[in-house]
Amino acid sequence: WYRQAPEKERELVAIITSGGSTHYADSVKGRFTVSRDNAENTVSLQMN
């Protein structure tokens, strides 16, 4: 997931590899969780 706010560049929010490793932007660590379902080709982002 990436995001773009008005008048700002697109930035990384969170990524997840096919093996399940994750990486988060510092600004969302501890609040957002990325997950995926490889069988369904889906990825989700839970934002708290």
ModelCIF file with pLDDT and N, C-alpha, C, O atoms, coordinates in Angstrom:
data_MODEL
#
_entry.id   MODEL 
#
_entity.id                         1 
_entity.type                       polymer 
_entity.pdbx_number_of_molecules   1 
#
_entity_poly.entity_id                      1 
_entity_poly.type                           'polypeptide(L)' 
_entity_poly.nstd_linkage                   no 
_entity_poly.nstd_monomer                   no 
_entity_poly.pdbx_seq_one_letter_code       WYRQAPEKERELVAIITSGGSTHYADSVKGRFTVSRDNAENTVSLQMN 
_entity_poly.pdbx_seq_one_letter_code_can   WYRQAPEKERELVAIITSGGSTHYADSVKGRFTVSRDNAENTVSLQMN 
_entity_poly.pdbx_strand_id                 A 
#
loop_
_entity_poly_seq.entity_id 
_entity_poly_seq.num 
_entity_poly_seq.mon_id 
_entity_poly_seq.hetero 
1 1  TRP n 
1 2  TYR n 
1 3  ARG n 
1 4  GLN n 
1 5  ALA n 
1 6  PRO n 
1 7  GLU n 
1 8  LYS n 
1 9  GLU n 
1 10 ARG n 
1 11 GLU n 
1 12 LEU n 
1 13 VAL n 
1 14 ALA n 
1 15 ILE n 
1 16 ILE n 
1 17 THR n 
1 18 SER n 
1 19 GLY n 
1 20 GLY n 
1 21 SER n 
1 22 THR n 
1 23 HIS n 
1 24 TYR n 
1 25 ALA n 
1 26 ASP n 
1 27 SER n 
1 28 VAL n 
1 29 LYS n 
1 30 GLY n 
1 31 ARG n 
1 32 PHE n 
1 33 THR n 
1 34 VAL n 
1 35 SER n 
1 36 ARG n 
1 37 ASP n 
1 38 ASN n 
1 39 ALA n 
1 40 GLU n 
1 41 ASN n 
1 42 THR n 
1 43 VAL n 
1 44 SER n 
1 45 LEU n 
1 46 GLN n 
1 47 MET n 
1 48 ASN n 
#
_struct_asym.id          A 
_struct_asym.entity_id   1 
#
loop_
_ma_qa_metric.id 
_ma_qa_metric.mode 
_ma_qa_metric.name 
_ma_qa_metric.software_group_id 
_ma_qa_metric.type 
1 global pLDDT . pLDDT 
2 local  pLDDT . pLDDT 
#
_ma_qa_metric_global.metric_id      1 
_ma_qa_metric_global.metric_value   96.67 
_ma_qa_metric_global.model_id       1 
_ma_qa_metric_global.ordinal_id     1 
#
loop_
_ma_qa_metric_local.label_asym_id 
_ma_qa_metric_local.label_comp_id 
_ma_qa_metric_local.label_seq_id 
_ma_qa_metric_local.metric_id 
_ma_qa_metric_local.metric_value 
_ma_qa_metric_local.model_id 
_ma_qa_metric_local.ordinal_id 
A TRP 1  2 98.00 1 1  
A TYR 2  2 98.00 1 2  
A ARG 3  2 98.00 1 3  
A GLN 4  2 98.00 1 4  
A ALA 5  2 97.00 1 5  
A PRO 6  2 92.00 1 6  
A GLU 7  2 94.00 1 7  
A LYS 8  2 96.00 1 8  
A GLU 9  2 97.00 1 9  
A ARG 10 2 97.00 1 10 
A GLU 11 2 98.00 1 11 
A LEU 12 2 98.00 1 12 
A VAL 13 2 98.00 1 13 
A ALA 14 2 98.00 1 14 
A ILE 15 2 98.00 1 15 
A ILE 16 2 98.00 1 16 
A THR 17 2 96.00 1 17 
A SER 18 2 93.00 1 18 
A GLY 19 2 93.00 1 19 
A GLY 20 2 95.00 1 20 
A SER 21 2 97.00 1 21 
A THR 22 2 98.00 1 22 
A HIS 23 2 98.00 1 23 
A TYR 24 2 98.00 1 24 
A ALA 25 2 98.00 1 25 
A ASP 26 2 98.00 1 26 
A SER 27 2 97.00 1 27 
A VAL 28 2 98.00 1 28 
A LYS 29 2 98.00 1 29 
A GLY 30 2 98.00 1 30 
A ARG 31 2 98.00 1 31 
A PHE 32 2 98.00 1 32 
A THR 33 2 98.00 1 33 
A VAL 34 2 98.00 1 34 
A SER 35 2 98.00 1 35 
A ARG 36 2 96.00 1 36 
A ASP 37 2 95.00 1 37 
A ASN 38 2 92.00 1 38 
A ALA 39 2 91.00 1 39 
A GLU 40 2 92.00 1 40 
A ASN 41 2 93.00 1 41 
A THR 42 2 96.00 1 42 
A VAL 43 2 97.00 1 43 
A SER 44 2 98.00 1 44 
A LEU 45 2 98.00 1 45 
A GLN 46 2 98.00 1 46 
A MET 47 2 98.00 1 47 
A ASN 48 2 98.00 1 48 
#
loop_
_atom_site.group_PDB 
_atom_site.id 
_atom_site.type_symbol 
_atom_site.label_atom_id 
_atom_site.label_alt_id 
_atom_site.label_comp_id 
_atom_site.label_asym_id 
_atom_site.label_entity_id 
_atom_site.label_seq_id 
_atom_site.pdbx_PDB_ins_code 
_atom_site.Cartn_x 
_atom_site.Cartn_y 
_atom_site.Cartn_z 
_atom_site.occupancy 
_atom_site.B_iso_or_equiv 
_atom_site.pdbx_formal_charge 
_atom_site.auth_seq_id 
_atom_site.auth_comp_id 
_atom_site.auth_asym_id 
_atom_site.auth_atom_id 
_atom_site.pdbx_PDB_model_num 
ATOM 1   N N  . TRP A 1 1  ? 0.833  -1.187  0.000  1.00 98.00 ? 1  TRP A N  1 
ATOM 2   C CA . TRP A 1 1  ? 0.000  0.000   0.000  1.00 98.00 ? 1  TRP A CA 1 
ATOM 3   C C  . TRP A 1 1  ? 0.876  1.250   0.000  1.00 98.00 ? 1  TRP A C  1 
ATOM 4   O O  . TRP A 1 1  ? 1.884  1.329   0.702  1.00 98.00 ? 1  TRP A O  1 
ATOM 5   N N  . TYR A 1 2  ? 0.465  2.208   -0.799 1.00 98.00 ? 2  TYR A N  1 
ATOM 6   C CA . TYR A 1 2  ? 1.082  3.522   -0.855 1.00 98.00 ? 2  TYR A CA 1 
ATOM 7   C C  . TYR A 1 2  ? -0.033 4.539   -0.659 1.00 98.00 ? 2  TYR A C  1 
ATOM 8   O O  . TYR A 1 2  ? -1.213 4.211   -0.783 1.00 98.00 ? 2  TYR A O  1 
ATOM 9   N N  . ARG A 1 3  ? 0.342  5.753   -0.359 1.00 98.00 ? 3  ARG A N  1 
ATOM 10  C CA . ARG A 1 3  ? -0.662 6.806   -0.233 1.00 98.00 ? 3  ARG A CA 1 
ATOM 11  C C  . ARG A 1 3  ? -0.112 8.123   -0.766 1.00 98.00 ? 3  ARG A C  1 
ATOM 12  O O  . ARG A 1 3  ? 1.097  8.353   -0.811 1.00 98.00 ? 3  ARG A O  1 
ATOM 13  N N  . GLN A 1 4  ? -1.041 8.969   -1.163 1.00 98.00 ? 4  GLN A N  1 
ATOM 14  C CA . GLN A 1 4  ? -0.671 10.286  -1.670 1.00 98.00 ? 4  GLN A CA 1 
ATOM 15  C C  . GLN A 1 4  ? -1.650 11.311  -1.139 1.00 98.00 ? 4  GLN A C  1 
ATOM 16  O O  . GLN A 1 4  ? -2.844 11.270  -1.437 1.00 98.00 ? 4  GLN A O  1 
ATOM 17  N N  . ALA A 1 5  ? -1.128 12.224  -0.353 1.00 97.00 ? 5  ALA A N  1 
ATOM 18  C CA . ALA A 1 5  ? -1.924 13.327  0.171  1.00 97.00 ? 5  ALA A CA 1 
ATOM 19  C C  . ALA A 1 5  ? -1.846 14.493  -0.818 1.00 97.00 ? 5  ALA A C  1 
ATOM 20  O O  . ALA A 1 5  ? -0.935 14.546  -1.644 1.00 97.00 ? 5  ALA A O  1 
ATOM 21  N N  . PRO A 1 6  ? -2.795 15.421  -0.734 1.00 92.00 ? 6  PRO A N  1 
ATOM 22  C CA . PRO A 1 6  ? -2.785 16.565  -1.645 1.00 92.00 ? 6  PRO A CA 1 
ATOM 23  C C  . PRO A 1 6  ? -1.457 17.315  -1.611 1.00 92.00 ? 6  PRO A C  1 
ATOM 24  O O  . PRO A 1 6  ? -0.937 17.636  -0.542 1.00 92.00 ? 6  PRO A O  1 
ATOM 25  N N  . GLU A 1 7  ? -0.928 17.584  -2.779 1.00 94.00 ? 7  GLU A N  1 
ATOM 26  C CA . GLU A 1 7  ? 0.312  18.357  -2.950 1.00 94.00 ? 7  GLU A CA 1 
ATOM 27  C C  . GLU A 1 7  ? 1.529  17.662  -2.341 1.00 94.00 ? 7  GLU A C  1 
ATOM 28  O O  . GLU A 1 7  ? 2.539  18.305  -2.054 1.00 94.00 ? 7  GLU A O  1 
ATOM 29  N N  . LYS A 1 8  ? 1.432  16.364  -2.149 1.00 96.00 ? 8  LYS A N  1 
ATOM 30  C CA . LYS A 1 8  ? 2.579  15.606  -1.650 1.00 96.00 ? 8  LYS A CA 1 
ATOM 31  C C  . LYS A 1 8  ? 2.867  14.443  -2.593 1.00 96.00 ? 8  LYS A C  1 
ATOM 32  O O  . LYS A 1 8  ? 2.010  14.040  -3.379 1.00 96.00 ? 8  LYS A O  1 
ATOM 33  N N  . GLU A 1 9  ? 4.078  13.914  -2.504 1.00 97.00 ? 9  GLU A N  1 
ATOM 34  C CA . GLU A 1 9  ? 4.439  12.781  -3.330 1.00 97.00 ? 9  GLU A CA 1 
ATOM 35  C C  . GLU A 1 9  ? 3.850  11.490  -2.752 1.00 97.00 ? 9  GLU A C  1 
ATOM 36  O O  . GLU A 1 9  ? 3.561  11.391  -1.560 1.00 97.00 ? 9  GLU A O  1 
ATOM 37  N N  . ARG A 1 10 ? 3.687  10.518  -3.630 1.00 97.00 ? 10 ARG A N  1 
ATOM 38  C CA . ARG A 1 10 ? 3.212  9.214   -3.184 1.00 97.00 ? 10 ARG A CA 1 
ATOM 39  C C  . ARG A 1 10 ? 4.276  8.577   -2.296 1.00 97.00 ? 10 ARG A C  1 
ATOM 40  O O  . ARG A 1 10 ? 5.468  8.635   -2.600 1.00 97.00 ? 10 ARG A O  1 
ATOM 41  N N  . GLU A 1 11 ? 3.837  7.970   -1.201 1.00 98.00 ? 11 GLU A N  1 
ATOM 42  C CA . GLU A 1 11 ? 4.778  7.388   -0.263 1.00 98.00 ? 11 GLU A CA 1 
ATOM 43  C C  . GLU A 1 11 ? 4.363  5.977   0.128  1.00 98.00 ? 11 GLU A C  1 
ATOM 44  O O  . GLU A 1 11 ? 3.187  5.616   0.105  1.00 98.00 ? 11 GLU A O  1 
ATOM 45  N N  . LEU A 1 12 ? 5.371  5.199   0.485  1.00 98.00 ? 12 LEU A N  1 
ATOM 46  C CA . LEU A 1 12 ? 5.115  3.836   0.934  1.00 98.00 ? 12 LEU A CA 1 
ATOM 47  C C  . LEU A 1 12 ? 4.417  3.848   2.288  1.00 98.00 ? 12 LEU A C  1 
ATOM 48  O O  . LEU A 1 12 ? 4.781  4.619   3.176  1.00 98.00 ? 12 LEU A O  1 
ATOM 49  N N  . VAL A 1 13 ? 3.418  2.995   2.441  1.00 98.00 ? 13 VAL A N  1 
ATOM 50  C CA . VAL A 1 13 ? 2.764  2.797   3.733  1.00 98.00 ? 13 VAL A CA 1 
ATOM 51  C C  . VAL A 1 13 ? 3.201  1.456   4.327  1.00 98.00 ? 13 VAL A C  1 
ATOM 52  O O  . VAL A 1 13 ? 3.713  1.397   5.446  1.00 98.00 ? 13 VAL A O  1 
ATOM 53  N N  . ALA A 1 14 ? 2.992  0.387   3.564  1.00 98.00 ? 14 ALA A N  1 
ATOM 54  C CA . ALA A 1 14 ? 3.340  -0.948  4.054  1.00 98.00 ? 14 ALA A CA 1 
ATOM 55  C C  . ALA A 1 14 ? 3.434  -1.907  2.878  1.00 98.00 ? 14 ALA A C  1 
ATOM 56  O O  . ALA A 1 14 ? 2.684  -1.796  1.908  1.00 98.00 ? 14 ALA A O  1 
ATOM 57  N N  . ILE A 1 15 ? 4.363  -2.849  2.976  1.00 98.00 ? 15 ILE A N  1 
ATOM 58  C CA . ILE A 1 15 ? 4.455  -3.890  1.964  1.00 98.00 ? 15 ILE A CA 1 
ATOM 59  C C  . ILE A 1 15 ? 4.587  -5.247  2.650  1.00 98.00 ? 15 ILE A C  1 
ATOM 60  O O  . ILE A 1 15 ? 5.004  -5.339  3.805  1.00 98.00 ? 15 ILE A O  1 
ATOM 61  N N  . ILE A 1 16 ? 4.226  -6.292  1.921  1.00 98.00 ? 16 ILE A N  1 
ATOM 62  C CA . ILE A 1 16 ? 4.356  -7.651  2.431  1.00 98.00 ? 16 ILE A CA 1 
ATOM 63  C C  . ILE A 1 16 ? 4.828  -8.532  1.288  1.00 98.00 ? 16 ILE A C  1 
ATOM 64  O O  . ILE A 1 16 ? 4.283  -8.486  0.185  1.00 98.00 ? 16 ILE A O  1 
ATOM 65  N N  . THR A 1 17 ? 5.841  -9.328  1.563  1.00 96.00 ? 17 THR A N  1 
ATOM 66  C CA . THR A 1 17 ? 6.402  -10.195 0.529  1.00 96.00 ? 17 THR A CA 1 
ATOM 67  C C  . THR A 1 17 ? 5.581  -11.479 0.408  1.00 96.00 ? 17 THR A C  1 
ATOM 68  O O  . THR A 1 17 ? 4.685  -11.745 1.210  1.00 96.00 ? 17 THR A O  1 
ATOM 69  N N  . SER A 1 18 ? 5.905  -12.253 -0.598 1.00 93.00 ? 18 SER A N  1 
ATOM 70  C CA . SER A 1 18 ? 5.188  -13.510 -0.783 1.00 93.00 ? 18 SER A CA 1 
ATOM 71  C C  . SER A 1 18 ? 5.432  -14.461 0.389  1.00 93.00 ? 18 SER A C  1 
ATOM 72  O O  . SER A 1 18 ? 4.621  -15.347 0.656  1.00 93.00 ? 18 SER A O  1 
ATOM 73  N N  . GLY A 1 19 ? 6.552  -14.271 1.082  1.00 93.00 ? 19 GLY A N  1 
ATOM 74  C CA . GLY A 1 19 ? 6.849  -15.107 2.235  1.00 93.00 ? 19 GLY A CA 1 
ATOM 75  C C  . GLY A 1 19 ? 6.284  -14.585 3.539  1.00 93.00 ? 19 GLY A C  1 
ATOM 76  O O  . GLY A 1 19 ? 6.401  -15.232 4.579  1.00 93.00 ? 19 GLY A O  1 
ATOM 77  N N  . GLY A 1 20 ? 5.668  -13.410 3.483  1.00 95.00 ? 20 GLY A N  1 
ATOM 78  C CA . GLY A 1 20 ? 5.023  -12.870 4.669  1.00 95.00 ? 20 GLY A CA 1 
ATOM 79  C C  . GLY A 1 20 ? 5.824  -11.830 5.433  1.00 95.00 ? 20 GLY A C  1 
ATOM 80  O O  . GLY A 1 20 ? 5.367  -11.338 6.465  1.00 95.00 ? 20 GLY A O  1 
ATOM 81  N N  . SER A 1 21 ? 7.005  -11.487 4.950  1.00 97.00 ? 21 SER A N  1 
ATOM 82  C CA . SER A 1 21 ? 7.775  -10.434 5.615  1.00 97.00 ? 21 SER A CA 1 
ATOM 83  C C  . SER A 1 21 ? 7.120  -9.086  5.342  1.00 97.00 ? 21 SER A C  1 
ATOM 84  O O  . SER A 1 21 ? 6.611  -8.834  4.250  1.00 97.00 ? 21 SER A O  1 
ATOM 85  N N  . THR A 1 22 ? 7.143  -8.232  6.347  1.00 98.00 ? 22 THR A N  1 
ATOM 86  C CA . THR A 1 22 ? 6.468  -6.945  6.225  1.00 98.00 ? 22 THR A CA 1 
ATOM 87  C C  . THR A 1 22 ? 7.430  -5.788  6.472  1.00 98.00 ? 22 THR A C  1 
ATOM 88  O O  . THR A 1 22 ? 8.451  -5.927  7.145  1.00 98.00 ? 22 THR A O  1 
ATOM 89  N N  . HIS A 1 23 ? 7.068  -4.657  5.909  1.00 98.00 ? 23 HIS A N  1 
ATOM 90  C CA . HIS A 1 23 ? 7.817  -3.411  6.122  1.00 98.00 ? 23 HIS A CA 1 
ATOM 91  C C  . HIS A 1 23 ? 6.815  -2.281  6.200  1.00 98.00 ? 23 HIS A C  1 
ATOM 92  O O  . HIS A 1 23 ? 5.894  -2.195  5.389  1.00 98.00 ? 23 HIS A O  1 
ATOM 93  N N  . TYR A 1 24 ? 7.001  -1.408  7.189  1.00 98.00 ? 24 TYR A N  1 
ATOM 94  C CA . TYR A 1 24 ? 6.073  -0.303  7.397  1.00 98.00 ? 24 TYR A CA 1 
ATOM 95  C C  . TYR A 1 24 ? 6.804  1.033   7.397  1.00 98.00 ? 24 TYR A C  1 
ATOM 96  O O  . TYR A 1 24 ? 7.969  1.120   7.786  1.00 98.00 ? 24 TYR A O  1 
ATOM 97  N N  . ALA A 1 25 ? 6.109  2.062   6.958  1.00 98.00 ? 25 ALA A N  1 
ATOM 98  C CA . ALA A 1 25 ? 6.615  3.411   7.152  1.00 98.00 ? 25 ALA A CA 1 
ATOM 99  C C  . ALA A 1 25 ? 6.627  3.707   8.646  1.00 98.00 ? 25 ALA A C  1 
ATOM 100 O O  . ALA A 1 25 ? 5.760  3.241   9.384  1.00 98.00 ? 25 ALA A O  1 
ATOM 101 N N  . ASP A 1 26 ? 7.606  4.478   9.085  1.00 98.00 ? 26 ASP A N  1 
ATOM 102 C CA . ASP A 1 26 ? 7.710  4.786   10.515 1.00 98.00 ? 26 ASP A CA 1 
ATOM 103 C C  . ASP A 1 26 ? 6.431  5.428   11.046 1.00 98.00 ? 26 ASP A C  1 
ATOM 104 O O  . ASP A 1 26 ? 6.046  5.201   12.193 1.00 98.00 ? 26 ASP A O  1 
ATOM 105 N N  . SER A 1 27 ? 5.783  6.219   10.220 1.00 97.00 ? 27 SER A N  1 
ATOM 106 C CA . SER A 1 27 ? 4.608  6.972   10.665 1.00 97.00 ? 27 SER A CA 1 
ATOM 107 C C  . SER A 1 27 ? 3.406  6.086   10.968 1.00 97.00 ? 27 SER A C  1 
ATOM 108 O O  . SER A 1 27 ? 2.468  6.529   11.631 1.00 97.00 ? 27 SER A O  1 
ATOM 109 N N  . VAL A 1 28 ? 3.416  4.842   10.494 1.00 98.00 ? 28 VAL A N  1 
ATOM 110 C CA . VAL A 1 28 ? 2.254  3.974   10.715 1.00 98.00 ? 28 VAL A CA 1 
ATOM 111 C C  . VAL A 1 28 ? 2.578  2.752   11.571 1.00 98.00 ? 28 VAL A C  1 
ATOM 112 O O  . VAL A 1 28 ? 1.680  1.976   11.897 1.00 98.00 ? 28 VAL A O  1 
ATOM 113 N N  . LYS A 1 29 ? 3.825  2.571   11.935 1.00 98.00 ? 29 LYS A N  1 
ATOM 114 C CA . LYS A 1 29 ? 4.212  1.415   12.748 1.00 98.00 ? 29 LYS A CA 1 
ATOM 115 C C  . LYS A 1 29 ? 3.427  1.392   14.048 1.00 98.00 ? 29 LYS A C  1 
ATOM 116 O O  . LYS A 1 29 ? 3.281  2.407   14.729 1.00 98.00 ? 29 LYS A O  1 
ATOM 117 N N  . GLY A 1 30 ? 2.926  0.203   14.374 1.00 98.00 ? 30 GLY A N  1 
ATOM 118 C CA . GLY A 1 30 ? 2.153  0.047   15.598 1.00 98.00 ? 30 GLY A CA 1 
ATOM 119 C C  . GLY A 1 30 ? 0.681  0.395   15.454 1.00 98.00 ? 30 GLY A C  1 
ATOM 120 O O  . GLY A 1 30 ? -0.111 0.114   16.353 1.00 98.00 ? 30 GLY A O  1 
ATOM 121 N N  . ARG A 1 31 ? 0.304  1.003   14.331 1.00 98.00 ? 31 ARG A N  1 
ATOM 122 C CA . ARG A 1 31 ? -1.098 1.377   14.108 1.00 98.00 ? 31 ARG A CA 1 
ATOM 123 C C  . ARG A 1 31 ? -1.706 0.625   12.926 1.00 98.00 ? 31 ARG A C  1 
ATOM 124 O O  . ARG A 1 31 ? -2.889 0.286   12.945 1.00 98.00 ? 31 ARG A O  1 
ATOM 125 N N  . PHE A 1 32 ? -0.905 0.369   11.910 1.00 98.00 ? 32 PHE A N  1 
ATOM 126 C CA . PHE A 1 32 ? -1.395 -0.304  10.703 1.00 98.00 ? 32 PHE A CA 1 
ATOM 127 C C  . PHE A 1 32 ? -0.834 -1.721  10.636 1.00 98.00 ? 32 PHE A C  1 
ATOM 128 O O  . PHE A 1 32 ? 0.279  -1.985  11.090 1.00 98.00 ? 32 PHE A O  1 
ATOM 129 N N  . THR A 1 33 ? -1.618 -2.621  10.066 1.00 98.00 ? 33 THR A N  1 
ATOM 130 C CA . THR A 1 33 ? -1.181 -3.995  9.867  1.00 98.00 ? 33 THR A CA 1 
ATOM 131 C C  . THR A 1 33 ? -1.536 -4.445  8.455  1.00 98.00 ? 33 THR A C  1 
ATOM 132 O O  . THR A 1 33 ? -2.691 -4.364  8.036  1.00 98.00 ? 33 THR A O  1 
ATOM 133 N N  . VAL A 1 34 ? -0.528 -4.921  7.729  1.00 98.00 ? 34 VAL A N  1 
ATOM 134 C CA . VAL A 1 34 ? -0.752 -5.421  6.375  1.00 98.00 ? 34 VAL A CA 1 
ATOM 135 C C  . VAL A 1 34 ? -0.781 -6.944  6.410  1.00 98.00 ? 34 VAL A C  1 
ATOM 136 O O  . VAL A 1 34 ? -0.024 -7.573  7.150  1.00 98.00 ? 34 VAL A O  1 
ATOM 137 N N  . SER A 1 35 ? -1.657 -7.526  5.608  1.00 98.00 ? 35 SER A N  1 
ATOM 138 C CA . SER A 1 35 ? -1.759 -8.980  5.532  1.00 98.00 ? 35 SER A CA 1 
ATOM 139 C C  . SER A 1 35 ? -2.153 -9.358  4.107  1.00 98.00 ? 35 SER A C  1 
ATOM 140 O O  . SER A 1 35 ? -2.639 -8.522  3.346  1.00 98.00 ? 35 SER A O  1 
ATOM 141 N N  . ARG A 1 36 ? -1.939 -10.618 3.756  1.00 96.00 ? 36 ARG A N  1 
ATOM 142 C CA . ARG A 1 36 ? -2.283 -11.057 2.401  1.00 96.00 ? 36 ARG A CA 1 
ATOM 143 C C  . ARG A 1 36 ? -2.764 -12.493 2.419  1.00 96.00 ? 36 ARG A C  1 
ATOM 144 O O  . ARG A 1 36 ? -2.476 -13.263 3.335  1.00 96.00 ? 36 ARG A O  1 
ATOM 145 N N  . ASP A 1 37 ? -3.500 -12.824 1.384  1.00 95.00 ? 37 ASP A N  1 
ATOM 146 C CA . ASP A 1 37 ? -3.972 -14.177 1.169  1.00 95.00 ? 37 ASP A CA 1 
ATOM 147 C C  . ASP A 1 37 ? -3.457 -14.597 -0.204 1.00 95.00 ? 37 ASP A C  1 
ATOM 148 O O  . ASP A 1 37 ? -4.005 -14.185 -1.226 1.00 95.00 ? 37 ASP A O  1 
ATOM 149 N N  . ASN A 1 38 ? -2.429 -15.395 -0.231 1.00 92.00 ? 38 ASN A N  1 
ATOM 150 C CA . ASN A 1 38 ? -1.809 -15.765 -1.510 1.00 92.00 ? 38 ASN A CA 1 
ATOM 151 C C  . ASN A 1 38 ? -2.742 -16.579 -2.397 1.00 92.00 ? 38 ASN A C  1 
ATOM 152 O O  . ASN A 1 38 ? -2.682 -16.481 -3.622 1.00 92.00 ? 38 ASN A O  1 
ATOM 153 N N  . ALA A 1 39 ? -3.585 -17.363 -1.792 1.00 91.00 ? 39 ALA A N  1 
ATOM 154 C CA . ALA A 1 39 ? -4.508 -18.184 -2.580 1.00 91.00 ? 39 ALA A CA 1 
ATOM 155 C C  . ALA A 1 39 ? -5.557 -17.341 -3.294 1.00 91.00 ? 39 ALA A C  1 
ATOM 156 O O  . ALA A 1 39 ? -6.048 -17.711 -4.361 1.00 91.00 ? 39 ALA A O  1 
ATOM 157 N N  . GLU A 1 40 ? -5.894 -16.205 -2.693 1.00 92.00 ? 40 GLU A N  1 
ATOM 158 C CA . GLU A 1 40 ? -6.938 -15.349 -3.255 1.00 92.00 ? 40 GLU A CA 1 
ATOM 159 C C  . GLU A 1 40 ? -6.373 -14.119 -3.972 1.00 92.00 ? 40 GLU A C  1 
ATOM 160 O O  . GLU A 1 40 ? -7.127 -13.326 -4.536 1.00 92.00 ? 40 GLU A O  1 
ATOM 161 N N  . ASN A 1 41 ? -5.049 -13.962 -3.948 1.00 93.00 ? 41 ASN A N  1 
ATOM 162 C CA . ASN A 1 41 ? -4.433 -12.773 -4.565 1.00 93.00 ? 41 ASN A CA 1 
ATOM 163 C C  . ASN A 1 41 ? -4.958 -11.481 -3.946 1.00 93.00 ? 41 ASN A C  1 
ATOM 164 O O  . ASN A 1 41 ? -5.245 -10.519 -4.658 1.00 93.00 ? 41 ASN A O  1 
ATOM 165 N N  . THR A 1 42 ? -5.080 -11.463 -2.635 1.00 96.00 ? 42 THR A N  1 
ATOM 166 C CA . THR A 1 42 ? -5.589 -10.270 -1.974 1.00 96.00 ? 42 THR A CA 1 
ATOM 167 C C  . THR A 1 42 ? -4.594 -9.775  -0.923 1.00 96.00 ? 42 THR A C  1 
ATOM 168 O O  . THR A 1 42 ? -3.807 -10.539 -0.364 1.00 96.00 ? 42 THR A O  1 
ATOM 169 N N  . VAL A 1 43 ? -4.664 -8.485  -0.685 1.00 97.00 ? 43 VAL A N  1 
ATOM 170 C CA . VAL A 1 43 ? -3.871 -7.863  0.378  1.00 97.00 ? 43 VAL A CA 1 
ATOM 171 C C  . VAL A 1 43 ? -4.776 -6.880  1.103  1.00 97.00 ? 43 VAL A C  1 
ATOM 172 O O  . VAL A 1 43 ? -5.592 -6.199  0.481  1.00 97.00 ? 43 VAL A O  1 
ATOM 173 N N  . SER A 1 44 ? -4.629 -6.810  2.419  1.00 98.00 ? 44 SER A N  1 
ATOM 174 C CA . SER A 1 44 ? -5.459 -5.931  3.228  1.00 98.00 ? 44 SER A CA 1 
ATOM 175 C C  . SER A 1 44 ? -4.590 -5.028  4.094  1.00 98.00 ? 44 SER A C  1 
ATOM 176 O O  . SER A 1 44 ? -3.430 -5.327  4.376  1.00 98.00 ? 44 SER A O  1 
ATOM 177 N N  . LEU A 1 45 ? -5.182 -3.926  4.500  1.00 98.00 ? 45 LEU A N  1 
ATOM 178 C CA . LEU A 1 45 ? -4.489 -2.994  5.394  1.00 98.00 ? 45 LEU A CA 1 
ATOM 179 C C  . LEU A 1 45 ? -5.462 -2.606  6.502  1.00 98.00 ? 45 LEU A C  1 
ATOM 180 O O  . LEU A 1 45 ? -6.437 -1.895  6.259  1.00 98.00 ? 45 LEU A O  1 
ATOM 181 N N  . GLN A 1 46 ? -5.199 -3.067  7.693  1.00 98.00 ? 46 GLN A N  1 
ATOM 182 C CA . GLN A 1 46 ? -5.988 -2.687  8.859  1.00 98.00 ? 46 GLN A CA 1 
ATOM 183 C C  . GLN A 1 46 ? -5.371 -1.432  9.459  1.00 98.00 ? 46 GLN A C  1 
ATOM 184 O O  . GLN A 1 46 ? -4.202 -1.426  9.845  1.00 98.00 ? 46 GLN A O  1 
ATOM 185 N N  . MET A 1 47 ? -6.153 -0.388  9.533  1.00 98.00 ? 47 MET A N  1 
ATOM 186 C CA . MET A 1 47 ? -5.658 0.903   10.022 1.00 98.00 ? 47 MET A CA 1 
ATOM 187 C C  . MET A 1 47 ? -6.389 1.274   11.300 1.00 98.00 ? 47 MET A C  1 
ATOM 188 O O  . MET A 1 47 ? -7.605 1.465   11.299 1.00 98.00 ? 47 MET A O  1 
ATOM 189 N N  . ASN A 1 48 ? -5.653 1.373   12.371 1.00 98.00 ? 48 ASN A N  1 
ATOM 190 C CA . ASN A 1 48 ? -6.209 1.740   13.677 1.00 98.00 ? 48 ASN A CA 1 
ATOM 191 C C  . ASN A 1 48 ? -5.612 3.058   14.147 1.00 98.00 ? 48 ASN A C  1 
ATOM 192 O O  . ASN A 1 48 ? -5.953 3.540   15.227 1.00 98.00 ? 48 ASN A O  1 
#
